Amino acid sequence: MFLGLAFNWGALLAWTAHDGQLRLPAVLLYLGGIAWTLFYDTIYAHQDKEDDALIGVRSTARLFGDRTATWLRRFQIVAVGLLAMAVLAAFGGVGGSPAAWLALAGTVAFGAHLQWQLRALDTEDWENCMWLFRANRDAGLVVVGGYLLALFA
């Protein structure tokens, strides 16, 4: 959780620096980023859950255990939903705005990428977990790509 709070702080800062004040789209983007961080950090945590248990580290992998896929699905839904709401709030809805549609398309593609990760996940295979954790770089590029397309539309 703390990782998500820290890693996504830039969404609030960048928006405020650009706009001059903090607004709802930035807060929604920040919260969506936290949900996404919980998604990928839980995958990462499954790599060393045995070591965590030995030394008493509390991790989401240990907390969720066999229910990890269910929790990841929840984080996925929350992340995609909040990112979509951020787009809608930023554009005042979609209407006929090609930019808004492009930003939403990036968000939907991001959600599809997370869904692919869920289908491929094997929490008992540390190499699989590392591979999927690293795939989140691409997930971030997908959503940012949609936002960049919207910026230049």
C-alpha atoms as a PDB file:
ATOM      1  CA  MET A   1       0.000   0.000   0.000  1.00  0.00           C
ATOM      2  CA  PHE A   2       2.769   2.440   0.945  1.00  0.00           C
ATOM      3  CA  LEU A   3       4.522   1.711  -2.337  1.00  0.00           C
ATOM      4  CA  GLY A   4       1.389   2.753  -4.222  1.00  0.00           C
ATOM      5  CA  LEU A   5       1.024   5.929  -2.184  1.00  0.00           C
ATOM      6  CA  ALA A   6       4.619   6.923  -2.922  1.00  0.00           C
ATOM      7  CA  PHE A   7       4.959   5.765  -6.543  1.00  0.00           C
ATOM      8  CA  ASN A   8       1.805   7.481  -7.747  1.00  0.00           C
ATOM      9  CA  TRP A   9       2.312  10.797  -5.982  1.00  0.00           C
ATOM     10  CA  GLY A  10       3.592  12.207  -9.273  1.00  0.00           C
ATOM     11  CA  ALA A  11       0.068  12.153 -10.724  1.00  0.00           C
ATOM     12  CA  LEU A  12      -1.022  14.706  -8.136  1.00  0.00           C
ATOM     13  CA  LEU A  13       2.129  16.792  -8.478  1.00  0.00           C
ATOM     14  CA  ALA A  14       2.189  16.858 -12.275  1.00  0.00           C
ATOM     15  CA  TRP A  15      -1.463  17.797 -12.555  1.00  0.00           C
ATOM     16  CA  THR A  16      -1.161  20.551  -9.981  1.00  0.00           C
ATOM     17  CA  ALA A  17       2.034  21.907 -11.559  1.00  0.00           C
ATOM     18  CA  HIS A  18       0.373  21.977 -14.984  1.00  0.00           C
ATOM     19  CA  ASP A  19      -3.104  23.174 -13.978  1.00  0.00           C
ATOM     20  CA  GLY A  20      -2.263  25.343 -10.985  1.00  0.00           C
ATOM     21  CA  GLN A  21      -4.583  23.418  -8.693  1.00  0.00           C
ATOM     22  CA  LEU A  22      -5.455  19.888  -7.726  1.00  0.00           C
ATOM     23  CA  ARG A  23      -8.580  18.586  -9.440  1.00  0.00           C
ATOM     24  CA  LEU A  24     -10.669  15.419  -9.434  1.00  0.00           C
ATOM     25  CA  PRO A  25      -9.051  13.765 -12.500  1.00  0.00           C
ATOM     26  CA  ALA A  26      -5.662  13.806 -10.773  1.00  0.00           C
ATOM     27  CA  VAL A  27      -7.077  12.291  -7.586  1.00  0.00           C
ATOM     28  CA  LEU A  28      -8.806   9.544  -9.586  1.00  0.00           C
ATOM     29  CA  LEU A  29      -5.597   8.876 -11.512  1.00  0.00           C
ATOM     30  CA  TYR A  30      -3.657   8.708  -8.234  1.00  0.00           C
ATOM     31  CA  LEU A  31      -6.103   6.238  -6.659  1.00  0.00           C
ATOM     32  CA  GLY A  32      -6.176   4.132  -9.822  1.00  0.00           C
ATOM     33  CA  GLY A  33      -2.393   4.037  -9.763  1.00  0.00           C
ATOM     34  CA  ILE A  34      -2.461   2.793  -6.178  1.00  0.00           C
ATOM     35  CA  ALA A  35      -4.803  -0.047  -7.172  1.00  0.00           C
ATOM     36  CA  TRP A  36      -2.512  -0.923 -10.086  1.00  0.00           C
ATOM     37  CA  THR A  37       0.527  -0.888  -7.790  1.00  0.00           C
ATOM     38  CA  LEU A  38      -1.245  -3.313  -5.449  1.00  0.00           C
ATOM     39  CA  PHE A  39      -1.885  -5.509  -8.506  1.00  0.00           C
ATOM     40  CA  TYR A  40       1.704  -5.737  -9.722  1.00  0.00           C
ATOM     41  CA  ASP A  41       3.351  -5.631  -6.308  1.00  0.00           C
ATOM     42  CA  THR A  42       1.269  -8.615  -5.186  1.00  0.00           C
ATOM     43  CA  ILE A  43       2.520 -10.547  -8.214  1.00  0.00           C
ATOM     44  CA  TYR A  44       6.066  -9.554  -7.277  1.00  0.00           C
ATOM     45  CA  ALA A  45       5.525 -10.564  -3.647  1.00  0.00           C
ATOM     46  CA  HIS A  46       4.739 -14.138  -4.666  1.00  0.00           C
ATOM     47  CA  GLN A  47       8.380 -14.616  -5.697  1.00  0.00           C
ATOM     48  CA  ASP A  48       9.657 -14.564  -2.146  1.00  0.00           C
ATOM     49  CA  LYS A  49       6.662 -15.462  -0.023  1.00  0.00           C
ATOM     50  CA  GLU A  50       8.498 -18.396   1.575  1.00  0.00           C
ATOM     51  CA  ASP A  51      11.373 -16.148   2.672  1.00  0.00           C
ATOM     52  CA  ASP A  52       8.866 -13.570   3.899  1.00  0.00           C
ATOM     53  CA  ALA A  53       7.200 -16.229   6.028  1.00  0.00           C
ATOM     54  CA  LEU A  54      10.545 -17.276   7.532  1.00  0.00           C
ATOM     55  CA  ILE A  55      11.482 -13.750   8.592  1.00  0.00           C
ATOM     56  CA  GLY A  56       7.979 -12.579   9.452  1.00  0.00           C
ATOM     57  CA  VAL A  57       7.447 -10.076   6.646  1.00  0.00           C
ATOM     58  CA  ARG A  58       3.790  -9.353   6.010  1.00  0.00           C
ATOM     59  CA  SER A  59       3.087  -9.244   2.304  1.00  0.00           C
ATOM     60  CA  THR A  60      -0.003  -9.228   0.157  1.00  0.00           C
ATOM     61  CA  ALA A  61       1.118 -12.584  -1.274  1.00  0.00           C
ATOM     62  CA  ARG A  62       0.979 -14.106   2.193  1.00  0.00           C
ATOM     63  CA  LEU A  63      -2.193 -12.233   3.112  1.00  0.00           C
ATOM     64  CA  PHE A  64      -4.138 -13.235  -0.004  1.00  0.00           C
ATOM     65  CA  GLY A  65      -2.636 -16.710  -0.434  1.00  0.00           C
ATOM     66  CA  ASP A  66      -4.898 -18.917  -2.555  1.00  0.00           C
ATOM     67  CA  ARG A  67      -7.274 -15.980  -3.073  1.00  0.00           C
ATOM     68  CA  THR A  68      -4.635 -13.922  -4.908  1.00  0.00           C
ATOM     69  CA  ALA A  69      -6.352 -14.122  -8.307  1.00  0.00           C
ATOM     70  CA  THR A  70      -9.605 -12.863  -6.791  1.00  0.00           C
ATOM     71  CA  TRP A  71      -7.825  -9.928  -5.155  1.00  0.00           C
ATOM     72  CA  LEU A  72      -5.880  -9.129  -8.317  1.00  0.00           C
ATOM     73  CA  ARG A  73      -9.125  -9.079 -10.283  1.00  0.00           C
ATOM     74  CA  ARG A  74     -10.542  -6.604  -7.759  1.00  0.00           C
ATOM     75  CA  PHE A  75      -7.464  -4.387  -8.043  1.00  0.00           C
ATOM     76  CA  GLN A  76      -7.730  -4.589 -11.827  1.00  0.00           C
ATOM     77  CA  ILE A  77     -11.374  -3.519 -11.808  1.00  0.00           C
ATOM     78  CA  VAL A  78     -10.689  -0.666  -9.409  1.00  0.00           C
ATOM     79  CA  ALA A  79      -7.609   0.512 -11.327  1.00  0.00           C
ATOM     80  CA  VAL A  80      -9.287   0.453 -14.738  1.00  0.00           C
ATOM     81  CA  GLY A  81     -12.494   1.960 -13.379  1.00  0.00           C
ATOM     82  CA  LEU A  82     -10.693   4.833 -11.668  1.00  0.00           C
ATOM     83  CA  LEU A  83      -8.517   5.522 -14.714  1.00  0.00           C
ATOM     84  CA  ALA A  84     -11.616   5.594 -16.915  1.00  0.00           C
ATOM     85  CA  MET A  85     -13.336   7.956 -14.476  1.00  0.00           C
ATOM     86  CA  ALA A  86     -10.216  10.162 -14.509  1.00  0.00           C
ATOM     87  CA  VAL A  87     -10.448  10.393 -18.301  1.00  0.00           C
ATOM     88  CA  LEU A  88     -14.150  11.201 -18.171  1.00  0.00           C
ATOM     89  CA  ALA A  89     -13.591  13.827 -15.479  1.00  0.00           C
ATOM     90  CA  ALA A  90     -10.699  15.382 -17.407  1.00  0.00           C
ATOM     91  CA  PHE A  91     -12.661  15.620 -20.637  1.00  0.00           C
ATOM     92  CA  GLY A  92     -16.091  16.335 -19.155  1.00  0.00           C
ATOM     93  CA  GLY A  93     -17.394  13.085 -20.645  1.00  0.00           C
ATOM     94  CA  VAL A  94     -16.640  11.715 -24.083  1.00  0.00           C
ATOM     95  CA  GLY A  95     -19.252  13.276 -26.334  1.00  0.00           C
ATOM     96  CA  GLY A  96     -17.723  13.695 -29.763  1.00  0.00           C
ATOM     97  CA  SER A  97     -14.191  14.224 -28.481  1.00  0.00           C
ATOM     98  CA  PRO A  98     -11.706  12.016 -30.342  1.00  0.00           C
ATOM     99  CA  ALA A  99      -9.120  12.807 -27.645  1.00  0.00           C
ATOM    100  CA  ALA A 100     -11.355  11.437 -24.887  1.00  0.00           C
ATOM    101  CA  TRP A 101     -12.027   8.290 -26.908  1.00  0.00           C
ATOM    102  CA  LEU A 102      -8.297   7.755 -27.477  1.00  0.00           C
ATOM    103  CA  ALA A 103      -7.573   8.171 -23.766  1.00  0.00           C
ATOM    104  CA  LEU A 104     -10.342   5.706 -22.941  1.00  0.00           C
ATOM    105  CA  ALA A 105      -9.003   3.278 -25.556  1.00  0.00           C
ATOM    106  CA  GLY A 106      -5.633   3.364 -23.785  1.00  0.00           C
ATOM    107  CA  THR A 107      -7.382   2.633 -20.513  1.00  0.00           C
ATOM    108  CA  VAL A 108      -9.299  -0.301 -22.005  1.00  0.00           C
ATOM    109  CA  ALA A 109      -6.092  -1.689 -23.542  1.00  0.00           C
ATOM    110  CA  PHE A 110      -4.442  -1.336 -20.132  1.00  0.00           C
ATOM    111  CA  GLY A 111      -7.277  -3.365 -18.597  1.00  0.00           C
ATOM    112  CA  ALA A 112      -6.877  -6.025 -21.279  1.00  0.00           C
ATOM    113  CA  HIS A 113      -3.167  -6.226 -20.501  1.00  0.00           C
ATOM    114  CA  LEU A 114      -3.899  -6.761 -16.810  1.00  0.00           C
ATOM    115  CA  GLN A 115      -6.463  -9.433 -17.749  1.00  0.00           C
ATOM    116  CA  TRP A 116      -3.825 -11.210 -19.826  1.00  0.00           C
ATOM    117  CA  GLN A 117      -1.528 -11.151 -16.793  1.00  0.00           C
ATOM    118  CA  LEU A 118      -4.236 -12.694 -14.636  1.00  0.00           C
ATOM    119  CA  ARG A 119      -4.725 -15.523 -17.112  1.00  0.00           C
ATOM    120  CA  ALA A 120      -0.977 -16.177 -17.331  1.00  0.00           C
ATOM    121  CA  LEU A 121      -0.283 -15.986 -13.589  1.00  0.00           C
ATOM    122  CA  ASP A 122       1.128 -18.978 -11.731  1.00  0.00           C
ATOM    123  CA  THR A 123       1.808 -17.835  -8.170  1.00  0.00           C
ATOM    124  CA  GLU A 124       3.874 -20.965  -7.482  1.00  0.00           C
ATOM    125  CA  ASP A 125       6.364 -20.210 -10.269  1.00  0.00           C
ATOM    126  CA  TRP A 126       8.715 -17.384  -9.293  1.00  0.00           C
ATOM    127  CA  GLU A 127       9.982 -16.954 -12.872  1.00  0.00           C
ATOM    128  CA  ASN A 128       6.399 -16.508 -14.081  1.00  0.00           C
ATOM    129  CA  CYS A 129       5.803 -13.929 -11.356  1.00  0.00           C
ATOM    130  CA  MET A 130       8.926 -11.973 -12.317  1.00  0.00           C
ATOM    131  CA  TRP A 131       7.989 -12.098 -16.002  1.00  0.00           C
ATOM    132  CA  LEU A 132       4.495 -10.767 -15.268  1.00  0.00           C
ATOM    133  CA  PHE A 133       5.782  -8.178 -12.816  1.00  0.00           C
ATOM    134  CA  ARG A 134       8.104  -6.853 -15.528  1.00  0.00           C
ATOM    135  CA  ALA A 135       5.225  -6.894 -18.036  1.00  0.00           C
ATOM    136  CA  ASN A 136       3.707  -4.041 -16.053  1.00  0.00           C
ATOM    137  CA  ARG A 137       6.191  -1.710 -17.701  1.00  0.00           C
ATOM    138  CA  ASP A 138       4.284  -2.429 -20.905  1.00  0.00           C
ATOM    139  CA  ALA A 139       0.955  -1.996 -19.140  1.00  0.00           C
ATOM    140  CA  GLY A 140       2.028   1.493 -18.094  1.00  0.00           C
ATOM    141  CA  LEU A 141       3.215   2.295 -21.607  1.00  0.00           C
ATOM    142  CA  VAL A 142      -0.156   1.208 -23.011  1.00  0.00           C
ATOM    143  CA  VAL A 143      -2.169   3.578 -20.844  1.00  0.00           C
ATOM    144  CA  VAL A 144       0.299   6.453 -21.271  1.00  0.00           C
ATOM    145  CA  GLY A 145       0.287   5.810 -25.006  1.00  0.00           C
ATOM    146  CA  GLY A 146      -3.464   6.327 -25.064  1.00  0.00           C
ATOM    147  CA  TYR A 147      -3.069   9.549 -23.091  1.00  0.00           C
ATOM    148  CA  LEU A 148      -0.339  10.787 -25.445  1.00  0.00           C
ATOM    149  CA  LEU A 149      -2.500  10.046 -28.482  1.00  0.00           C
ATOM    150  CA  ALA A 150      -5.291  12.000 -26.831  1.00  0.00           C
ATOM    151  CA  LEU A 151      -2.943  14.918 -26.185  1.00  0.00           C
ATOM    152  CA  PHE A 152      -2.105  15.212 -29.866  1.00  0.00           C
ATOM    153  CA  ALA A 153      -5.583  14.449 -31.247  1.00  0.00           C
END
